[in-house]
C-alpha atoms as a PDB file:
ATOM      1  CA  MET A   1     285.495  83.309 -86.369  1.00  0.00           C
ATOM      2  CA  ALA A   2     282.509  81.772 -84.560  1.00  0.00           C
ATOM      3  CA  TRP A   3     281.765  85.033 -82.739  1.00  0.00           C
ATOM      4  CA  LEU A   4     281.219  86.790 -86.091  1.00  0.00           C
ATOM      5  CA  THR A   5     278.587  84.236 -87.007  1.00  0.00           C
ATOM      6  CA  VAL A   6     276.819  84.696 -83.652  1.00  0.00           C
ATOM      7  CA  LEU A   7     276.751  88.483 -84.002  1.00  0.00           C
ATOM      8  CA  SER A   8     275.451  88.232 -87.564  1.00  0.00           C
ATOM      9  CA  LEU A   9     272.623  85.935 -86.481  1.00  0.00           C
ATOM     10  CA  LEU A  10     271.683  88.246 -83.594  1.00  0.00           C
ATOM     11  CA  ALA A  11     271.648  91.246 -85.908  1.00  0.00           C
ATOM     12  CA  LEU A  12     269.476  89.447 -88.459  1.00  0.00           C
ATOM     13  CA  TYR A  13     267.130  88.395 -85.671  1.00  0.00           C
ATOM     14  CA  GLY A  14     266.800  92.014 -84.568  1.00  0.00           C
ATOM     15  CA  ILE A  15     266.024  93.116 -88.115  1.00  0.00           C
ATOM     16  CA  SER A  16     263.348  90.432 -88.445  1.00  0.00           C
ATOM     17  CA  ILE A  17     261.672  91.710 -85.274  1.00  0.00           C
ATOM     18  CA  LEU A  18     261.718  95.333 -86.409  1.00  0.00           C
ATOM     19  CA  LYS A  19     260.233  94.374 -89.784  1.00  0.00           C
ATOM     20  CA  ASP A  20     257.040  93.413 -87.960  1.00  0.00           C
ATOM     21  CA  PHE A  21     256.415  97.038 -87.106  1.00  0.00           C
ATOM     22  CA  ARG A  22     254.153  98.981 -89.446  1.00  0.00           C
ATOM     23  CA  THR A  23     255.737 101.290 -91.988  1.00  0.00           C
ATOM     24  CA  GLU A  24     253.999 104.278 -90.359  1.00  0.00           C
ATOM     25  CA  GLN A  25     255.612 103.450 -87.038  1.00  0.00           C
ATOM     26  CA  LEU A  26     259.062 103.349 -88.612  1.00  0.00           C
ATOM     27  CA  LYS A  27     258.431 106.666 -90.339  1.00  0.00           C
ATOM     28  CA  THR A  28     257.347 108.406 -87.146  1.00  0.00           C
ATOM     29  CA  ASN A  29     259.717 106.673 -84.717  1.00  0.00           C
ATOM     30  CA  LYS A  30     263.275 107.889 -85.195  1.00  0.00           C
ATOM     31  CA  LYS A  31     264.641 105.488 -82.586  1.00  0.00           C
ATOM     32  CA  LEU A  32     263.262 102.475 -84.441  1.00  0.00           C
ATOM     33  CA  ARG A  33     264.707 103.762 -87.698  1.00  0.00           C
ATOM     34  CA  SER A  34     268.078 104.329 -86.026  1.00  0.00           C
ATOM     35  CA  VAL A  35     268.104 100.840 -84.510  1.00  0.00           C
ATOM     36  CA  LEU A  36     267.129  99.239 -87.832  1.00  0.00           C
ATOM     37  CA  PHE A  37     269.815 101.184 -89.679  1.00  0.00           C
ATOM     38  CA  ALA A  38     272.409 100.263 -87.041  1.00  0.00           C
ATOM     39  CA  LEU A  39     271.513  96.578 -87.254  1.00  0.00           C
ATOM     40  CA  MET A  40     271.693  96.590 -91.051  1.00  0.00           C
ATOM     41  CA  THR A  41     275.068  98.359 -90.845  1.00  0.00           C
ATOM     42  CA  VAL A  42     276.314  95.747 -88.381  1.00  0.00           C
ATOM     43  CA  VAL A  43     275.214  92.874 -90.635  1.00  0.00           C
ATOM     44  CA  LEU A  44     276.873  94.474 -93.655  1.00  0.00           C
ATOM     45  CA  GLY A  45     280.043  95.249 -91.701  1.00  0.00           C
ATOM     46  CA  LEU A  46     280.278  91.734 -90.280  1.00  0.00           C
ATOM     47  CA  GLY A  47     279.756  90.271 -93.727  1.00  0.00           C
ATOM     48  CA  VAL A  48     282.577  92.364 -95.161  1.00  0.00           C
ATOM     49  CA  TRP A  49     284.807  91.577 -92.187  1.00  0.00           C
ATOM     50  CA  ARG A  50     284.161  87.864 -92.500  1.00  0.00           C
ATOM     51  CA  THR A  51     284.880  87.954 -96.225  1.00  0.00           C
ATOM     52  CA  ILE A  52     288.185  89.700 -95.599  1.00  0.00           C
ATOM     53  CA  ALA A  53     289.068  87.239 -92.840  1.00  0.00           C
ATOM     54  CA  ASP A  54     288.228  84.238 -95.057  1.00  0.00           C
ATOM     55  CA  ASP A  55     290.311  85.681 -97.898  1.00  0.00           C
ATOM     56  CA  TYR A  56     293.238  86.250 -95.536  1.00  0.00           C
ATOM     57  CA  LYS A  57     292.971  82.686 -94.233  1.00  0.00           C
ATOM     58  CA  ALA A  58     292.829  81.293 -97.770  1.00  0.00           C
ATOM     59  CA  ASN A  59     295.823  83.389 -98.833  1.00  0.00           C
ATOM     60  CA  THR A  60     297.788  82.257 -95.769  1.00  0.00           C
ATOM     61  CA  ILE A  61     297.070  78.592 -96.521  1.00  0.00           C
ATOM     62  CA  ALA A  62     298.020  79.072-100.165  1.00  0.00           C
ATOM     63  CA  LYS A  63     301.268  80.802 -99.122  1.00  0.00           C
ATOM     64  CA  ASN A  64     302.154  77.948 -96.771  1.00  0.00           C
ATOM     65  CA  LEU A  65     301.410  75.358 -99.458  1.00  0.00           C
ATOM     66  CA  GLN A  66     303.372  77.106-102.199  1.00  0.00           C
ATOM     67  CA  PRO A  67     306.728  75.457-101.339  1.00  0.00           C
ATOM     68  CA  PHE A  68     305.063  72.032-101.585  1.00  0.00           C
ATOM     69  CA  ILE A  69     303.433  72.976-104.881  1.00  0.00           C
ATOM     70  CA  ASN A  70     306.792  74.127-106.249  1.00  0.00           C
ATOM     71  CA  LEU A  71     308.444  70.879-105.102  1.00  0.00           C
ATOM     72  CA  ALA A  72     305.660  68.769-106.619  1.00  0.00           C
ATOM     73  CA  ILE A  73     305.940  70.554-109.979  1.00  0.00           C
ATOM     74  CA  ALA A  74     309.743  70.274-109.944  1.00  0.00           C
ATOM     75  CA  ARG A  75     309.547  66.505-109.316  1.00  0.00           C
ATOM     76  CA  ASN A  76     306.768  65.951-111.851  1.00  0.00           C
ATOM     77  CA  PRO A  77     307.006  68.775-114.428  1.00  0.00           C
ATOM     78  CA  ASN A  78     305.033  67.059-117.188  1.00  0.00           C
ATOM     79  CA  VAL A  79     301.744  66.525-115.345  1.00  0.00           C
ATOM     80  CA  GLU A  80     298.968  68.717-113.955  1.00  0.00           C
ATOM     81  CA  THR A  81     299.549  70.404-110.596  1.00  0.00           C
ATOM     82  CA  GLN A  82     296.971  68.295-108.740  1.00  0.00           C
ATOM     83  CA  ILE A  83     298.447  65.052-110.105  1.00  0.00           C
ATOM     84  CA  ALA A  84     301.925  66.262-109.117  1.00  0.00           C
ATOM     85  CA  LEU A  85     300.683  67.024-105.588  1.00  0.00           C
ATOM     86  CA  ASP A  86     299.079  63.578-105.302  1.00  0.00           C
ATOM     87  CA  GLN A  87     302.341  61.948-106.348  1.00  0.00           C
ATOM     88  CA  LEU A  88     304.281  64.063-103.855  1.00  0.00           C
ATOM     89  CA  ARG A  89     301.894  62.969-101.087  1.00  0.00           C
ATOM     90  CA  LYS A  90     302.467  59.306-102.011  1.00  0.00           C
ATOM     91  CA  ASP A  91     306.230  59.836-102.049  1.00  0.00           C
ATOM     92  CA  LEU A  92     306.083  61.441 -98.592  1.00  0.00           C
ATOM     93  CA  GLU A  93     304.038  58.511 -97.251  1.00  0.00           C
ATOM     94  CA  VAL A  94     306.631  56.062 -98.593  1.00  0.00           C
ATOM     95  CA  THR A  95     309.438  58.118 -97.037  1.00  0.00           C
ATOM     96  CA  LYS A  96     307.597  58.209 -93.712  1.00  0.00           C
ATOM     97  CA  GLU A  97     307.165  54.429 -93.783  1.00  0.00           C
ATOM     98  CA  MET A  98     310.831  53.913 -94.612  1.00  0.00           C
ATOM     99  CA  ALA A  99     311.841  56.168 -91.716  1.00  0.00           C
ATOM    100  CA  LYS A 100     310.040  53.970 -89.184  1.00  0.00           C
ATOM    101  CA  PRO A 101     312.375  51.759 -87.125  1.00  0.00           C
ATOM    102  CA  ASN A 102     312.599  48.035 -87.807  1.00  0.00           C
ATOM    103  CA  THR A 103     310.635  46.372 -84.996  1.00  0.00           C
ATOM    104  CA  ILE A 104     309.835  42.764 -84.106  1.00  0.00           C
ATOM    105  CA  SER A 105     306.771  40.886 -82.916  1.00  0.00           C
ATOM    106  CA  PHE A 106     306.037  37.338 -81.755  1.00  0.00           C
ATOM    107  CA  GLN A 107     305.736  34.895 -84.654  1.00  0.00           C
ATOM    108  CA  LYS A 108     305.576  31.358 -83.262  1.00  0.00           C
ATOM    109  CA  LYS A 109     306.750  29.006 -80.524  1.00  0.00           C
ATOM    110  CA  VAL A 110     308.008  25.418 -80.616  1.00  0.00           C
ATOM    111  CA  ILE A 111     307.927  23.342 -77.416  1.00  0.00           C
ATOM    112  CA  GLN A 112     309.655  19.981 -77.075  1.00  0.00           C
ATOM    113  CA  ARG A 113     309.790  17.726 -74.054  1.00  0.00           C
ATOM    114  CA  ILE A 114     313.116  15.990 -73.566  1.00  0.00           C
ATOM    115  CA  GLY A 115     312.947  13.665 -70.562  1.00  0.00           C
ATOM    116  CA  ASN A 116     311.931  15.777 -67.575  1.00  0.00           C
ATOM    117  CA  GLU A 117     313.053  18.985 -69.274  1.00  0.00           C
ATOM    118  CA  TYR A 118     311.522  21.235 -71.917  1.00  0.00           C
ATOM    119  CA  LYS A 119     313.034  23.068 -74.844  1.00  0.00           C
ATOM    120  CA  LEU A 120     311.227  26.257 -75.833  1.00  0.00           C
ATOM    121  CA  ALA A 121     312.112  27.985 -79.095  1.00  0.00           C
ATOM    122  CA  VAL A 122     310.525  31.394 -79.707  1.00  0.00           C
ATOM    123  CA  TYR A 123     310.659  33.111 -83.111  1.00  0.00           C
ATOM    124  CA  PHE A 124     309.998  36.733 -84.010  1.00  0.00           C
ATOM    125  CA  THR A 125     309.009  38.569 -87.186  1.00  0.00           C
ATOM    126  CA  PRO A 126     310.676  41.864 -88.187  1.00  0.00           C
ATOM    127  CA  THR A 127     308.679  44.601 -89.890  1.00  0.00           C
ATOM    128  CA  LYS A 128     311.398  45.158 -92.502  1.00  0.00           C
ATOM    129  CA  ASN A 129     313.794  42.948 -94.427  1.00  0.00           C
ATOM    130  CA  GLU A 130     316.884  44.657 -93.104  1.00  0.00           C
ATOM    131  CA  PRO A 131     319.371  44.102 -90.269  1.00  0.00           C
ATOM    132  CA  LEU A 132     317.943  44.644 -86.795  1.00  0.00           C
ATOM    133  CA  GLY A 133     321.191  45.461 -85.066  1.00  0.00           C
ATOM    134  CA  GLU A 134     321.657  44.406 -81.467  1.00  0.00           C
ATOM    135  CA  LEU A 135     318.833  42.344 -79.986  1.00  0.00           C
ATOM    136  CA  ASP A 136     318.146  41.973 -76.281  1.00  0.00           C
ATOM    137  CA  PHE A 137     315.718  39.403 -74.831  1.00  0.00           C
ATOM    138  CA  VAL A 138     314.671  38.587 -71.278  1.00  0.00           C
ATOM    139  CA  ALA A 139     312.888  35.400 -70.153  1.00  0.00           C
ATOM    140  CA  GLU A 140     311.305  35.227 -66.694  1.00  0.00           C
ATOM    141  CA  ILE A 141     309.596  32.508 -64.637  1.00  0.00           C
ATOM    142  CA  ASP A 142     307.418  33.254 -61.621  1.00  0.00           C
ATOM    143  CA  VAL A 143     309.452  32.949 -58.418  1.00  0.00           C
ATOM    144  CA  LYS A 144     306.744  30.686 -56.965  1.00  0.00           C
ATOM    145  CA  SER A 145     307.232  28.150 -59.743  1.00  0.00           C
ATOM    146  CA  LYS A 146     309.396  25.075 -59.135  1.00  0.00           C
ATOM    147  CA  ALA A 147     310.814  25.269 -62.670  1.00  0.00           C
ATOM    148  CA  GLN A 148     314.148  26.884 -63.508  1.00  0.00           C
ATOM    149  CA  ILE A 149     315.772  28.205 -66.669  1.00  0.00           C
ATOM    150  CA  LEU A 150     318.789  26.002 -67.351  1.00  0.00           C
ATOM    151  CA  ASP A 151     320.070  27.528 -70.579  1.00  0.00           C
ATOM    152  CA  ILE A 152     319.347  30.321 -73.074  1.00  0.00           C
ATOM    153  CA  GLN A 153     320.789  30.865 -76.546  1.00  0.00           C
ATOM    154  CA  SER A 154     319.946  32.433 -79.895  1.00  0.00           C
ATOM    155  CA  THR A 155     318.274  30.581 -82.728  1.00  0.00           C
ATOM    156  CA  SER A 156     317.201  31.397 -86.302  1.00  0.00           C
ATOM    157  CA  ASP A 157     315.123  30.091 -89.175  1.00  0.00           C
ATOM    158  CA  ARG A 158     318.265  30.631 -91.244  1.00  0.00           C
ATOM    159  CA  PRO A 159     321.024  29.369 -88.953  1.00  0.00           C
ATOM    160  CA  ALA A 160     323.692  29.689 -91.656  1.00  0.00           C
ATOM    161  CA  PHE A 161     323.696  33.441 -91.025  1.00  0.00           C
ATOM    162  CA  GLY A 162     324.427  32.965 -87.326  1.00  0.00           C
ATOM    163  CA  ALA A 163     324.772  35.624 -84.667  1.00  0.00           C
ATOM    164  CA  ALA A 164     327.650  37.745 -83.438  1.00  0.00           C
ATOM    165  CA  GLY A 165     328.576  39.135 -80.042  1.00  0.00           C
ATOM    166  CA  GLU A 166     326.258  36.783 -78.182  1.00  0.00           C
ATOM    167  CA  ALA A 167     326.178  37.289 -74.416  1.00  0.00           C
ATOM    168  CA  SER A 168     323.824  35.608 -71.973  1.00  0.00           C
ATOM    169  CA  GLY A 169     323.294  35.085 -68.296  1.00  0.00           C
ATOM    170  CA  ILE A 170     320.951  33.327 -65.862  1.00  0.00           C
ATOM    171  CA  SER A 171     320.075  34.502 -62.357  1.00  0.00           C
ATOM    172  CA  GLY A 172     321.204  32.432 -59.374  1.00  0.00           C
ATOM    173  CA  ASP A 173     317.702  31.103 -58.697  1.00  0.00           C
ATOM    174  CA  GLY A 174     317.147  30.237 -62.361  1.00  0.00           C
ATOM    175  CA  LYS A 175     314.053  32.440 -62.600  1.00  0.00           C
ATOM    176  CA  LYS A 176     315.418  35.009 -65.037  1.00  0.00           C
ATOM    177  CA  ALA A 177     317.641  34.761 -68.114  1.00  0.00           C
ATOM    178  CA  ARG A 178     318.906  37.362 -70.522  1.00  0.00           C
ATOM    179  CA  ILE A 179     320.578  37.207 -73.902  1.00  0.00           C
ATOM    180  CA  SER A 180     321.960  39.840 -76.265  1.00  0.00           C
ATOM    181  CA  TYR A 181     323.283  39.303 -79.769  1.00  0.00           C
ATOM    182  CA  THR A 182     323.555  40.884 -83.207  1.00  0.00           C
ATOM    183  CA  LEU A 183     322.383  39.051 -86.314  1.00  0.00           C
ATOM    184  CA  ILE A 184     324.949  39.105 -89.095  1.00  0.00           C
ATOM    185  CA  SER A 185     322.287  39.487 -91.794  1.00  0.00           C
ATOM    186  CA  ALA A 186     318.507  39.850 -91.703  1.00  0.00           C
ATOM    187  CA  PRO A 187     317.040  36.448 -90.769  1.00  0.00           C
ATOM    188  CA  TYR A 188     314.137  35.954 -88.396  1.00  0.00           C
ATOM    189  CA  PRO A 189     315.492  36.332 -84.849  1.00  0.00           C
ATOM    190  CA  GLY A 190     314.722  33.872 -82.081  1.00  0.00           C
ATOM    191  CA  ILE A 191     315.743  32.504 -78.691  1.00  0.00           C
ATOM    192  CA  GLU A 192     315.887  28.977 -77.330  1.00  0.00           C
ATOM    193  CA  LEU A 193     315.372  28.104 -73.659  1.00  0.00           C
ATOM    194  CA  ARG A 194     315.990  24.872 -71.747  1.00  0.00           C
ATOM    195  CA  ILE A 195     313.654  24.672 -68.766  1.00  0.00           C
ATOM    196  CA  SER A 196     313.556  22.134 -65.932  1.00  0.00           C
ATOM    197  CA  GLY A 197     309.767  21.713 -65.815  1.00  0.00           C
ATOM    198  CA  PRO A 198     306.330  23.028 -66.786  1.00  0.00           C
ATOM    199  CA  CYS A 199     305.727  26.725 -66.134  1.00  0.00           C
ATOM    200  CA  PHE A 200     304.693  30.066 -67.613  1.00  0.00           C
ATOM    201  CA  VAL A 201     307.505  32.044 -69.243  1.00  0.00           C
ATOM    202  CA  LYS A 202     307.312  35.796 -69.767  1.00  0.00           C
ATOM    203  CA  ILE A 203     309.275  37.061 -72.769  1.00  0.00           C
ATOM    204  CA  SER A 204     310.278  40.691 -73.290  1.00  0.00           C
ATOM    205  CA  GLY A 205     312.874  42.499 -75.351  1.00  0.00           C
ATOM    206  CA  ASN A 206     313.909  45.543 -77.336  1.00  0.00           C
ATOM    207  CA  ARG A 207     313.103  46.568 -80.925  1.00  0.00           C
ATOM    208  CA  GLY A 208     309.504  47.365 -80.025  1.00  0.00           C
ATOM    209  CA  LEU A 209     308.699  43.861 -78.763  1.00  0.00           C
ATOM    210  CA  LEU A 210     305.623  43.826 -76.537  1.00  0.00           C
ATOM    211  CA  PRO A 211     305.941  41.501 -73.490  1.00  0.00           C
ATOM    212  CA  PHE A 212     303.961  38.256 -73.717  1.00  0.00           C
ATOM    213  CA  GLU A 213     303.631  34.964 -71.842  1.00  0.00           C
ATOM    214  CA  ILE A 214     303.965  31.357 -73.003  1.00  0.00           C
ATOM    215  CA  GLU A 215     302.781  28.271 -71.171  1.00  0.00           C
ATOM    216  CA  VAL A 216     305.325  25.467 -71.242  1.00  0.00           C
ATOM    217  CA  LYS A 217     303.882  21.999 -70.624  1.00  0.00           C
END
């Protein structure tokens, strides 16, 4: 509707210019009178048109919102409509949050040196206190590093719950290891690596985990 506003402003500007003419000139000049009348008609017509358009837009919005208003009143029949709508909005936000998948993020690391080797335990935090399903983690060491991954397994802050269906593997050069498992309940997931020497380890996985790097030394 921006073009209606522009036309209205142009028409009003034209009227303001014509008002500077003397009354006698308007009386004797039919063209000026015709132009002034036309401009006033345009302004009036645009105003009416804009009012109709705004009313139509408002009615359309109200029509689209009516199902939500009916739902809000049905769920909260004993309160005012606005309060019912506010409660419905809160309920929808809770439902939206519940519908989000359970993801994990890095929580902490524990590094232990055992002789010439290192044990790296990495723990993750879930966004929800519910089962995560199958977890898949990958640990990688730079191929230029002298260190190798010797072992990989699952770990947990609540080991009594354990893990099921665990499967793991290490590449022939010891630079990449992978492990998949399913937690029986909803403890904090984790992996444990045994590494032959100091290095940087890149960790990645599923469940929304963003890749990150840990220095082992």
